Amino acid sequence: MYQTHRYEGMLAETITLAGDHNTLINAYFARPLGAGPFPGLVLIHHMPGWDEWYREATRKFAHHGYAAISPNLYFRAGHGTPEDVAAKVRGDGGIPDDQAVGDIAGAMVYLRSLPYINGKVGVFGTCSGGRHAYLAACRVQGFDAVVDCWGGRVVMAEADLTPYYPVAPIDYTADLSCPILGLFGEEDHSPTPDQVTLHEEALKKYGKPYEFHRYPGAGHGFFYYHRPIYRPQQAVDGWEKIFAFLGKYLAAD
C-alpha cells in the first residue's frame, strides 16, 4: 500500500552472471533501494527477444518490492537490436532447452547470493519465456513459485520434438517443485485452450498446487500494450493475480 510520505528509490542496471556451464551472460537487474530483505524474481524473456518490455517488467517488479533479474537467453547469438538478435535465434531453430535451463538456474543462484534476499525466489515468463519458466521450475531445485503467462509448447506432439527441444515440458510435471500460476487467453493458438486443459490435467494428476485463469476475448500476448493484441481489462486483472500469487508464496516465513 502506497504512503505518500515514504521515500522510494530503485537501482536498475545491466550486470553479468554465470549462466549455463558457467558461461558469462548479461542480464538486466533492478531492485528497490534499502536494506530489504526482498523476495527475488527471475524474468524470462519471450521469443521477440530481450527487449524493452522486459526491461519495463523488471523495473515494475522492483517497484513492487522484488529484486528482479532478466537474463539474456540470446547472449550467445551475438548483439544488436532485440529484433535482429531474435530473428537470428529463430533462424537457428531457437535455443536448446538445456542451455535455457542452465542460464535460468544461474540467475536464480545469483539472486540467492545477494545479502538482501529474503530466502524466496520465483520465476516468471511470457510466451516462450513462460515455457522456459515452467521447464526450469520442473528441472531446477530452488524456485518457490512460477508464473507462466501463455507459455506455448508446454504440450508438444512427438513430431514437434527436436534436438533443441527433446522433451515436452509437460512430461516433467511430476518434478515441478513449486506452486504455479498460469494466465491464458481463450483465443490463443499456442497454447490452445485444449492444450491448457491437458496441462491442467497433468498438474491435477501429480497433485501440484496451481492456479489457472483463462481470459475470454484475449489471445496470445494480451499484456503487450504496444501491440494490437493488448487487452487492457484482462491485462489489469492478470497483473493483480500475479502480484497476489507472488505475494502469497514469496513472502518471508
Foldseek 3Di string as FASTA:
>chain_A
DDDVVDDWDKDWDKDWWQFAVGDIFIKIWMATDDLAQAAEEEEEEALLFPADVVNVVRVVVRRVGYGYMYTGLLRVQDDDHSNVSSVSCVVVVHAALSRLLRRSVRVLVVVVVDPRHLQAYAYEYFACSLQSRLLNQLVPPRHAEYERELHFQLPDDPVPADNRRNDRVLVSLLRRDYEYEYEAEQAEVGPHPVVVVVSVVSCVVNVHHYHYDYHYPAYGPCLPPVDPRHDVVSNVVVVVVVCVVCVVGRDRD
